[in-house]
Amino acid sequence: MSLFSGAFLLRKKGGEFHQTYRPFTKRGSRNGPQKPIQLIIFFAAKLKDIFIKGRDYPWPRPDRCPRCKAHKLWGHGFVTALFDGYNQPLFLKRYRCPVCKCVIRLRPHGYFKRFQASVETIRSSISHRLKTGRWPPGLPHTRQGHWLRALRRKAAAFLKKGVKSALERGQVCL
């Protein structure tokens, strides 16, 4: 019998617990399990068709794993995602590579990962803000501000210098 206590493992020997060091099982280490990598493949699809057919939508099956190029992929169920204009989450198909253990999620083209709004909606909203200094009506200002802050963060990380001030001065055209 054994019990975990903090960073130590207690083992029962002869009616008493003896303290030993806990085995090293940190995630991502040589000895411990690694979290599978998730990849997103964008494909042409209409959200309306995905909404109407649900899990019965004819999802395209990737020919091979984009990570290790293995030809065999397993179906890995569905994941739900929210999109603008739909009051229910839509089901997106997932596949799993048995060789490298990565999970591949299919997502409609024209939508960034982790964003509900289309790329065109985000682009036009940020463009309007940078040209006029005001947010366009119809969407919450906090949500649109989140898009602009995310753009600034990603641009600054990509270029690592004066992009923030160029965006504020309106020198960057979207």
N, C-alpha and C. Protein backbone atom coordinates (compact mmCIF):
# COMPACT_ATOMS: atom_id res chain seq x y z
N MET A 1 0.85 -1.19 0.00
CA MET A 1 0.00 0.00 0.00
C MET A 1 0.89 1.24 0.00
N SER A 2 0.43 2.26 -0.73
CA SER A 2 1.21 3.50 -0.77
C SER A 2 0.28 4.70 -0.79
N LEU A 3 0.73 5.80 -0.28
CA LEU A 3 -0.01 7.06 -0.26
C LEU A 3 0.90 8.17 -0.75
N PHE A 4 0.30 9.15 -1.47
CA PHE A 4 1.06 10.32 -1.87
C PHE A 4 0.92 11.40 -0.82
N SER A 5 2.00 12.05 -0.49
CA SER A 5 1.97 13.15 0.46
C SER A 5 2.96 14.20 -0.01
N GLY A 6 2.44 15.27 -0.61
CA GLY A 6 3.32 16.33 -1.09
C GLY A 6 4.28 15.81 -2.14
N ALA A 7 5.57 16.01 -1.93
CA ALA A 7 6.57 15.57 -2.88
C ALA A 7 7.14 14.20 -2.52
N PHE A 8 6.51 13.52 -1.57
CA PHE A 8 7.03 12.24 -1.10
C PHE A 8 5.99 11.15 -1.29
N LEU A 9 6.45 9.93 -1.40
CA LEU A 9 5.59 8.77 -1.50
C LEU A 9 5.75 7.99 -0.21
N LEU A 10 4.65 7.69 0.44
CA LEU A 10 4.70 6.92 1.68
C LEU A 10 4.38 5.47 1.36
N ARG A 11 5.28 4.56 1.68
CA ARG A 11 5.07 3.13 1.43
C ARG A 11 4.92 2.42 2.77
N LYS A 12 3.97 1.48 2.78
CA LYS A 12 3.73 0.75 4.01
C LYS A 12 4.60 -0.50 4.02
N LYS A 13 5.45 -0.61 5.04
CA LYS A 13 6.31 -1.78 5.20
C LYS A 13 6.15 -2.28 6.62
N GLY A 14 5.62 -3.46 6.74
CA GLY A 14 5.52 -4.07 8.07
C GLY A 14 4.65 -3.27 9.03
N GLY A 15 3.54 -2.71 8.57
CA GLY A 15 2.63 -2.00 9.43
C GLY A 15 2.95 -0.53 9.62
N GLU A 16 4.09 -0.05 9.12
CA GLU A 16 4.47 1.35 9.26
C GLU A 16 4.66 1.98 7.89
N PHE A 17 4.44 3.29 7.82
CA PHE A 17 4.68 4.01 6.58
C PHE A 17 6.10 4.55 6.58
N HIS A 18 6.83 4.30 5.50
CA HIS A 18 8.18 4.82 5.34
C HIS A 18 8.16 5.84 4.21
N GLN A 19 8.88 6.93 4.41
CA GLN A 19 8.89 8.02 3.44
C GLN A 19 9.96 7.78 2.37
N THR A 20 9.54 7.84 1.11
CA THR A 20 10.46 7.74 -0.02
C THR A 20 10.19 8.92 -0.93
N TYR A 21 11.10 9.19 -1.86
CA TYR A 21 10.88 10.28 -2.80
C TYR A 21 9.86 9.88 -3.84
N ARG A 22 9.04 10.84 -4.20
CA ARG A 22 8.00 10.61 -5.20
C ARG A 22 8.66 10.41 -6.58
N PRO A 23 8.16 9.46 -7.36
CA PRO A 23 8.75 9.28 -8.70
C PRO A 23 8.54 10.51 -9.57
N PHE A 24 9.50 10.75 -10.45
CA PHE A 24 9.47 11.94 -11.31
C PHE A 24 8.50 11.68 -12.47
N THR A 25 7.34 12.34 -12.47
CA THR A 25 6.34 12.13 -13.53
C THR A 25 5.84 13.47 -14.06
N LYS A 26 6.72 14.45 -14.13
CA LYS A 26 6.31 15.75 -14.64
C LYS A 26 5.92 15.63 -16.11
N ARG A 27 4.81 16.26 -16.46
CA ARG A 27 4.31 16.18 -17.83
C ARG A 27 5.32 16.82 -18.79
N GLY A 28 5.57 16.12 -19.90
CA GLY A 28 6.48 16.64 -20.90
C GLY A 28 7.93 16.26 -20.64
N SER A 29 8.20 15.52 -19.57
CA SER A 29 9.57 15.12 -19.29
C SER A 29 9.88 13.82 -20.02
N ARG A 30 11.10 13.36 -19.88
CA ARG A 30 11.48 12.10 -20.52
C ARG A 30 10.71 10.94 -19.93
N ASN A 31 10.42 10.99 -18.66
CA ASN A 31 9.80 9.87 -17.98
C ASN A 31 8.27 9.94 -17.95
N GLY A 32 7.71 11.11 -18.08
CA GLY A 32 6.27 11.26 -17.94
C GLY A 32 5.54 11.34 -19.26
N PRO A 33 4.23 11.29 -19.21
CA PRO A 33 3.45 11.37 -20.45
C PRO A 33 3.50 12.77 -21.03
N GLN A 34 3.47 12.86 -22.36
CA GLN A 34 3.46 14.14 -23.02
C GLN A 34 2.06 14.44 -23.53
N LYS A 35 1.69 15.70 -23.49
CA LYS A 35 0.39 16.12 -23.99
C LYS A 35 0.40 16.06 -25.51
N PRO A 36 -0.64 15.46 -26.13
CA PRO A 36 -0.64 15.39 -27.60
C PRO A 36 -0.75 16.77 -28.24
N ILE A 37 -0.10 16.95 -29.36
CA ILE A 37 -0.13 18.21 -30.09
C ILE A 37 -1.43 18.31 -30.85
N GLN A 38 -2.03 19.51 -30.88
CA GLN A 38 -3.27 19.72 -31.61
C GLN A 38 -3.00 20.58 -32.83
N LEU A 39 -3.48 20.14 -33.98
CA LEU A 39 -3.33 20.86 -35.23
C LEU A 39 -4.71 21.20 -35.77
N ILE A 40 -4.80 22.29 -36.50
CA ILE A 40 -6.07 22.70 -37.10
C ILE A 40 -5.89 22.75 -38.60
N ILE A 41 -6.81 22.10 -39.32
CA ILE A 41 -6.82 22.14 -40.78
C ILE A 41 -8.06 22.92 -41.20
N PHE A 42 -7.87 23.96 -42.00
CA PHE A 42 -8.98 24.77 -42.48
C PHE A 42 -9.44 24.21 -43.83
N PHE A 43 -10.76 24.16 -44.04
CA PHE A 43 -11.30 23.67 -45.29
C PHE A 43 -12.53 24.49 -45.65
N ALA A 44 -12.89 24.44 -46.94
CA ALA A 44 -14.04 25.21 -47.42
C ALA A 44 -15.33 24.51 -47.01
N ALA A 45 -16.16 25.20 -46.26
CA ALA A 45 -17.45 24.66 -45.82
C ALA A 45 -18.38 25.81 -45.49
N LYS A 46 -19.67 25.56 -45.58
CA LYS A 46 -20.66 26.55 -45.19
C LYS A 46 -21.15 26.20 -43.79
N LEU A 47 -21.14 27.20 -42.92
CA LEU A 47 -21.58 26.97 -41.55
C LEU A 47 -23.03 26.52 -41.49
N LYS A 48 -23.83 27.01 -42.40
CA LYS A 48 -25.24 26.64 -42.41
C LYS A 48 -25.41 25.13 -42.64
N ASP A 49 -24.61 24.57 -43.54
CA ASP A 49 -24.67 23.12 -43.78
C ASP A 49 -24.22 22.34 -42.55
N ILE A 50 -23.16 22.80 -41.89
CA ILE A 50 -22.68 22.13 -40.68
C ILE A 50 -23.74 22.21 -39.59
N PHE A 51 -24.43 23.36 -39.49
CA PHE A 51 -25.47 23.53 -38.48
C PHE A 51 -26.65 22.61 -38.75
N ILE A 52 -27.09 22.52 -40.01
CA ILE A 52 -28.26 21.71 -40.34
C ILE A 52 -27.97 20.22 -40.18
N LYS A 53 -26.83 19.75 -40.68
CA LYS A 53 -26.54 18.32 -40.66
C LYS A 53 -25.91 17.84 -39.36
N GLY A 54 -25.34 18.75 -38.59
CA GLY A 54 -24.75 18.37 -37.30
C GLY A 54 -23.64 17.35 -37.46
N ARG A 55 -23.74 16.24 -36.72
CA ARG A 55 -22.71 15.20 -36.78
C ARG A 55 -22.74 14.41 -38.08
N ASP A 56 -23.81 14.53 -38.85
CA ASP A 56 -23.93 13.81 -40.11
C ASP A 56 -23.31 14.57 -41.28
N TYR A 57 -22.66 15.70 -41.03
CA TYR A 57 -22.03 16.47 -42.09
C TYR A 57 -20.91 15.62 -42.71
N PRO A 58 -20.79 15.60 -44.05
CA PRO A 58 -19.75 14.79 -44.70
C PRO A 58 -18.37 15.46 -44.60
N TRP A 59 -17.68 15.24 -43.51
CA TRP A 59 -16.38 15.86 -43.27
C TRP A 59 -15.33 15.27 -44.19
N PRO A 60 -14.45 16.08 -44.76
CA PRO A 60 -13.36 15.53 -45.57
C PRO A 60 -12.33 14.87 -44.65
N ARG A 61 -11.83 13.73 -45.08
CA ARG A 61 -10.81 13.03 -44.29
C ARG A 61 -9.44 13.40 -44.84
N PRO A 62 -8.54 13.90 -44.01
CA PRO A 62 -7.19 14.23 -44.50
C PRO A 62 -6.49 12.97 -45.04
N ASP A 63 -5.72 13.14 -46.10
CA ASP A 63 -5.01 12.00 -46.70
C ASP A 63 -3.95 11.43 -45.76
N ARG A 64 -3.30 12.32 -45.05
CA ARG A 64 -2.21 11.91 -44.16
C ARG A 64 -2.08 12.89 -43.01
N CYS A 65 -1.33 12.51 -42.03
CA CYS A 65 -1.07 13.37 -40.87
C CYS A 65 -0.18 14.52 -41.30
N PRO A 66 -0.57 15.78 -41.03
CA PRO A 66 0.27 16.90 -41.42
C PRO A 66 1.58 16.99 -40.63
N ARG A 67 1.66 16.29 -39.52
CA ARG A 67 2.86 16.37 -38.69
C ARG A 67 3.89 15.31 -39.06
N CYS A 68 3.46 14.03 -39.12
CA CYS A 68 4.43 12.95 -39.37
C CYS A 68 4.24 12.29 -40.72
N LYS A 69 3.23 12.70 -41.49
CA LYS A 69 2.95 12.20 -42.84
C LYS A 69 2.49 10.75 -42.86
N ALA A 70 2.01 10.21 -41.74
CA ALA A 70 1.48 8.85 -41.71
C ALA A 70 0.16 8.81 -42.49
N HIS A 71 -0.12 7.69 -43.14
CA HIS A 71 -1.31 7.60 -43.99
C HIS A 71 -2.56 7.17 -43.22
N LYS A 72 -2.42 6.69 -42.02
CA LYS A 72 -3.57 6.19 -41.27
C LYS A 72 -3.99 7.22 -40.21
N LEU A 73 -5.25 7.64 -40.26
CA LEU A 73 -5.81 8.54 -39.25
C LEU A 73 -7.07 7.92 -38.70
N TRP A 74 -7.29 8.07 -37.42
CA TRP A 74 -8.49 7.55 -36.76
C TRP A 74 -9.45 8.70 -36.51
N GLY A 75 -10.74 8.42 -36.61
CA GLY A 75 -11.74 9.39 -36.19
C GLY A 75 -11.63 9.58 -34.69
N HIS A 76 -11.72 10.81 -34.22
CA HIS A 76 -11.54 11.09 -32.79
C HIS A 76 -12.72 11.88 -32.24
N GLY A 77 -13.90 11.66 -32.81
CA GLY A 77 -15.10 12.30 -32.29
C GLY A 77 -15.27 13.73 -32.77
N PHE A 78 -16.01 14.48 -31.98
CA PHE A 78 -16.34 15.85 -32.32
C PHE A 78 -16.01 16.77 -31.16
N VAL A 79 -15.83 18.04 -31.49
CA VAL A 79 -15.66 19.08 -30.49
C VAL A 79 -16.62 20.20 -30.87
N THR A 80 -17.18 20.88 -29.89
CA THR A 80 -18.13 21.95 -30.19
C THR A 80 -17.40 23.28 -30.26
N ALA A 81 -17.90 24.16 -31.13
CA ALA A 81 -17.33 25.50 -31.28
C ALA A 81 -18.47 26.47 -31.55
N LEU A 82 -18.34 27.68 -31.00
CA LEU A 82 -19.35 28.72 -31.20
C LEU A 82 -18.96 29.60 -32.37
N PHE A 83 -19.97 30.01 -33.15
CA PHE A 83 -19.75 30.92 -34.27
C PHE A 83 -20.84 31.98 -34.24
N ASP A 84 -20.51 33.17 -34.73
CA ASP A 84 -21.49 34.25 -34.79
C ASP A 84 -22.67 33.85 -35.65
N GLY A 85 -23.88 34.22 -35.22
CA GLY A 85 -25.08 33.95 -35.98
C GLY A 85 -25.76 32.64 -35.62
N TYR A 86 -25.17 31.86 -34.74
CA TYR A 86 -25.75 30.58 -34.34
C TYR A 86 -25.86 30.57 -32.82
N ASN A 87 -27.05 30.19 -32.34
CA ASN A 87 -27.28 30.21 -30.90
C ASN A 87 -26.87 28.90 -30.23
N GLN A 88 -26.45 27.92 -31.01
CA GLN A 88 -25.98 26.64 -30.48
C GLN A 88 -24.56 26.39 -30.99
N PRO A 89 -23.77 25.66 -30.23
CA PRO A 89 -22.44 25.33 -30.74
C PRO A 89 -22.54 24.35 -31.90
N LEU A 90 -21.60 24.45 -32.83
CA LEU A 90 -21.55 23.55 -33.98
C LEU A 90 -20.53 22.45 -33.71
N PHE A 91 -20.76 21.27 -34.28
CA PHE A 91 -19.86 20.14 -34.10
C PHE A 91 -18.78 20.18 -35.17
N LEU A 92 -17.51 20.16 -34.74
CA LEU A 92 -16.37 20.10 -35.64
C LEU A 92 -15.69 18.75 -35.47
N LYS A 93 -15.34 18.12 -36.58
CA LYS A 93 -14.76 16.78 -36.57
C LYS A 93 -13.29 16.81 -36.18
N ARG A 94 -12.88 15.76 -35.45
CA ARG A 94 -11.48 15.60 -35.07
C ARG A 94 -10.97 14.24 -35.55
N TYR A 95 -9.69 14.20 -35.85
CA TYR A 95 -9.01 12.96 -36.19
C TYR A 95 -7.77 12.84 -35.31
N ARG A 96 -7.29 11.61 -35.15
CA ARG A 96 -6.11 11.38 -34.35
C ARG A 96 -5.14 10.49 -35.11
N CYS A 97 -3.87 10.85 -35.07
CA CYS A 97 -2.82 10.06 -35.72
C CYS A 97 -2.32 9.02 -34.71
N PRO A 98 -2.39 7.73 -35.04
CA PRO A 98 -1.91 6.72 -34.10
C PRO A 98 -0.40 6.67 -33.99
N VAL A 99 0.32 7.26 -34.94
CA VAL A 99 1.78 7.22 -34.93
C VAL A 99 2.36 8.29 -34.00
N CYS A 100 2.00 9.56 -34.24
CA CYS A 100 2.58 10.65 -33.45
C CYS A 100 1.63 11.17 -32.37
N LYS A 101 0.41 10.62 -32.32
CA LYS A 101 -0.58 10.94 -31.28
C LYS A 101 -1.13 12.36 -31.36
N CYS A 102 -0.93 13.07 -32.47
CA CYS A 102 -1.46 14.43 -32.55
C CYS A 102 -2.95 14.37 -32.89
N VAL A 103 -3.68 15.39 -32.46
CA VAL A 103 -5.11 15.51 -32.71
C VAL A 103 -5.29 16.59 -33.77
N ILE A 104 -6.05 16.26 -34.82
CA ILE A 104 -6.27 17.17 -35.94
C ILE A 104 -7.73 17.59 -35.91
N ARG A 105 -7.98 18.89 -35.85
CA ARG A 105 -9.35 19.40 -35.85
C ARG A 105 -9.61 20.11 -37.16
N LEU A 106 -10.76 19.83 -37.76
CA LEU A 106 -11.16 20.50 -38.99
C LEU A 106 -11.98 21.73 -38.62
N ARG A 107 -11.71 22.84 -39.30
CA ARG A 107 -12.39 24.10 -39.00
C ARG A 107 -12.70 24.80 -40.32
N PRO A 108 -13.86 25.42 -40.43
CA PRO A 108 -14.21 26.11 -41.68
C PRO A 108 -13.22 27.23 -42.00
N HIS A 109 -12.90 27.35 -43.27
CA HIS A 109 -12.00 28.40 -43.75
C HIS A 109 -12.67 29.76 -43.53
N GLY A 110 -11.89 30.75 -43.15
CA GLY A 110 -12.42 32.09 -42.95
C GLY A 110 -12.66 32.44 -41.50
N TYR A 111 -12.24 31.56 -40.58
CA TYR A 111 -12.39 31.80 -39.15
C TYR A 111 -11.06 31.51 -38.47
N PHE A 112 -10.56 32.48 -37.67
CA PHE A 112 -9.36 32.23 -36.89
C PHE A 112 -9.65 31.20 -35.82
N LYS A 113 -8.62 30.51 -35.38
CA LYS A 113 -8.83 29.61 -34.25
C LYS A 113 -9.11 30.44 -33.00
N ARG A 114 -9.99 29.96 -32.18
CA ARG A 114 -10.41 30.59 -30.91
C ARG A 114 -11.21 31.88 -31.09
N PHE A 115 -11.68 32.16 -32.30
CA PHE A 115 -12.52 33.33 -32.53
C PHE A 115 -13.85 32.88 -33.12
N GLN A 116 -14.95 33.49 -32.65
CA GLN A 116 -16.28 33.16 -33.14
C GLN A 116 -16.62 33.91 -34.42
N ALA A 117 -16.07 35.08 -34.58
CA ALA A 117 -16.39 35.93 -35.72
C ALA A 117 -15.51 35.56 -36.91
N SER A 118 -16.00 35.87 -38.09
CA SER A 118 -15.23 35.57 -39.30
C SER A 118 -14.05 36.53 -39.42
N VAL A 119 -13.08 36.14 -40.21
CA VAL A 119 -11.90 36.97 -40.45
C VAL A 119 -12.32 38.29 -41.07
N GLU A 120 -13.27 38.25 -41.99
CA GLU A 120 -13.72 39.48 -42.65
C GLU A 120 -14.39 40.44 -41.66
N THR A 121 -15.18 39.93 -40.74
CA THR A 121 -15.81 40.77 -39.72
C THR A 121 -14.76 41.45 -38.85
N ILE A 122 -13.78 40.69 -38.42
CA ILE A 122 -12.70 41.23 -37.58
C ILE A 122 -11.89 42.27 -38.35
N ARG A 123 -11.54 41.96 -39.60
CA ARG A 123 -10.76 42.88 -40.41
C ARG A 123 -11.49 44.19 -40.66
N SER A 124 -12.77 44.12 -41.02
CA SER A 124 -13.52 45.34 -41.30
C SER A 124 -13.73 46.17 -40.04
N SER A 125 -13.92 45.52 -38.90
CA SER A 125 -14.10 46.24 -37.64
C SER A 125 -12.83 46.99 -37.25
N ILE A 126 -11.68 46.32 -37.31
CA ILE A 126 -10.42 46.96 -36.96
C ILE A 126 -10.07 48.06 -37.96
N SER A 127 -10.32 47.82 -39.22
CA SER A 127 -10.05 48.82 -40.25
C SER A 127 -10.90 50.08 -40.03
N HIS A 128 -12.16 49.89 -39.71
CA HIS A 128 -13.06 51.02 -39.43
C HIS A 128 -12.56 51.82 -38.23
N ARG A 129 -12.14 51.12 -37.19
CA ARG A 129 -11.65 51.79 -35.98
C ARG A 129 -10.39 52.60 -36.27
N LEU A 130 -9.46 52.04 -37.04
CA LEU A 130 -8.22 52.74 -37.32
C LEU A 130 -8.42 53.93 -38.25
N LYS A 131 -9.41 53.85 -39.13
CA LYS A 131 -9.66 54.96 -40.06
C LYS A 131 -10.45 56.09 -39.41
N THR A 132 -11.46 55.76 -38.60
CA THR A 132 -12.36 56.78 -38.07
C THR A 132 -12.15 57.09 -36.59
N GLY A 133 -11.47 56.20 -35.88
CA GLY A 133 -11.30 56.41 -34.44
C GLY A 133 -12.50 55.94 -33.64
N ARG A 134 -13.51 55.36 -34.28
CA ARG A 134 -14.71 54.86 -33.60
C ARG A 134 -14.97 53.43 -34.03
N TRP A 135 -15.60 52.68 -33.12
CA TRP A 135 -15.98 51.31 -33.45
C TRP A 135 -17.25 51.32 -34.29
N PRO A 136 -17.37 50.40 -35.24
CA PRO A 136 -18.62 50.33 -36.00
C PRO A 136 -19.76 49.82 -35.12
N PRO A 137 -20.98 50.26 -35.38
CA PRO A 137 -22.10 49.80 -34.56
C PRO A 137 -22.46 48.35 -34.89
N GLY A 138 -23.13 47.70 -33.97
CA GLY A 138 -23.63 46.35 -34.23
C GLY A 138 -22.97 45.27 -33.41
N LEU A 139 -21.75 45.49 -32.95
CA LEU A 139 -21.05 44.51 -32.13
C LEU A 139 -20.58 45.19 -30.85
N PRO A 140 -20.46 44.43 -29.76
CA PRO A 140 -19.99 45.04 -28.50
C PRO A 140 -18.58 45.62 -28.65
N HIS A 141 -18.38 46.80 -28.08
CA HIS A 141 -17.10 47.49 -28.17
C HIS A 141 -15.99 46.70 -27.47
N THR A 142 -16.33 46.01 -26.38
CA THR A 142 -15.31 45.25 -25.66
C THR A 142 -14.80 44.10 -26.52
N ARG A 143 -15.68 43.50 -27.27
CA ARG A 143 -15.27 42.39 -28.13
C ARG A 143 -14.37 42.89 -29.26
N GLN A 144 -14.73 44.01 -29.86
CA GLN A 144 -13.92 44.57 -30.92
C GLN A 144 -12.57 45.04 -30.39
N GLY A 145 -12.56 45.58 -29.16
CA GLY A 145 -11.31 45.98 -28.54
C GLY A 145 -10.40 44.79 -28.29
N HIS A 146 -10.99 43.66 -27.96
CA HIS A 146 -10.22 42.43 -27.78
C HIS A 146 -9.51 42.05 -29.07
N TRP A 147 -10.20 42.19 -30.21
CA TRP A 147 -9.59 41.88 -31.50
C TRP A 147 -8.41 42.78 -31.79
N LEU A 148 -8.56 44.09 -31.51
CA LEU A 148 -7.47 45.03 -31.77
C LEU A 148 -6.29 44.77 -30.84
N ARG A 149 -6.55 44.49 -29.58
CA ARG A 149 -5.46 44.18 -28.64
C ARG A 149 -4.74 42.89 -29.05
N ALA A 150 -5.49 41.90 -29.50
CA ALA A 150 -4.86 40.65 -29.95
C ALA A 150 -3.99 40.90 -31.18
N LEU A 151 -4.46 41.75 -32.09
CA LEU A 151 -3.66 42.10 -33.27
C LEU A 151 -2.37 42.80 -32.85
N ARG A 152 -2.46 43.74 -31.93
CA ARG A 152 -1.27 44.45 -31.47
C ARG A 152 -0.27 43.50 -30.82
N ARG A 153 -0.76 42.60 -29.98
CA ARG A 153 0.11 41.62 -29.31
C ARG A 153 0.82 40.74 -30.33
N LYS A 154 0.05 40.22 -31.29
CA LYS A 154 0.65 39.32 -32.27
C LYS A 154 1.60 40.06 -33.21
N ALA A 155 1.26 41.28 -33.59
CA ALA A 155 2.14 42.06 -34.46
C ALA A 155 3.43 42.43 -33.73
N ALA A 156 3.31 42.82 -32.46
CA ALA A 156 4.51 43.16 -31.69
C ALA A 156 5.39 41.95 -31.49
N ALA A 157 4.77 40.79 -31.26
CA ALA A 157 5.57 39.58 -31.10
C ALA A 157 6.23 39.20 -32.41
N PHE A 158 5.56 39.44 -33.52
CA PHE A 158 6.12 39.08 -34.82
C PHE A 158 7.23 40.03 -35.24
N LEU A 159 7.00 41.30 -35.10
CA LEU A 159 7.98 42.29 -35.56
C LEU A 159 8.91 42.78 -34.45
N LYS A 160 8.49 42.65 -33.21
CA LYS A 160 9.29 42.98 -32.02
C LYS A 160 9.77 44.42 -31.94
N LYS A 161 9.08 45.33 -32.55
CA LYS A 161 9.40 46.75 -32.38
C LYS A 161 8.27 47.60 -32.87
N GLY A 162 8.35 48.86 -32.88
CA GLY A 162 7.44 49.93 -33.15
C GLY A 162 6.10 49.70 -33.82
N VAL A 163 5.58 48.50 -33.84
CA VAL A 163 4.30 48.26 -34.50
C VAL A 163 3.16 48.92 -33.72
N LYS A 164 3.25 48.86 -32.41
CA LYS A 164 2.19 49.42 -31.59
C LYS A 164 1.99 50.91 -31.89
N SER A 165 3.07 51.64 -31.95
CA SER A 165 2.94 53.08 -32.23
C SER A 165 2.50 53.32 -33.68
N ALA A 166 2.91 52.48 -34.61
CA ALA A 166 2.48 52.62 -36.00
C ALA A 166 0.98 52.35 -36.13
N LEU A 167 0.49 51.38 -35.39
CA LEU A 167 -0.95 51.10 -35.40
C LEU A 167 -1.73 52.27 -34.80
N GLU A 168 -1.22 52.85 -33.72
CA GLU A 168 -1.91 53.96 -33.07
C GLU A 168 -1.92 55.22 -33.95
N ARG A 169 -0.85 55.41 -34.72
CA ARG A 169 -0.79 56.55 -35.62
C ARG A 169 -1.55 56.32 -36.92
N GLY A 170 -2.00 55.08 -37.16
CA GLY A 170 -2.75 54.78 -38.37
C GLY A 170 -1.88 54.59 -39.59
N GLN A 171 -0.60 54.29 -39.38
CA GLN A 171 0.31 54.11 -40.51
C GLN A 171 0.23 52.71 -41.11
N VAL A 172 -0.40 51.78 -40.40
CA VAL A 172 -0.54 50.43 -40.89
C VAL A 172 -1.92 50.30 -41.51
N CYS A 173 -2.00 49.91 -42.76
CA CYS A 173 -3.25 49.77 -43.47
C CYS A 173 -3.65 48.31 -43.49
N LEU A 174 -4.87 48.04 -43.06
CA LEU A 174 -5.35 46.65 -43.05
C LEU A 174 -6.18 46.36 -44.25
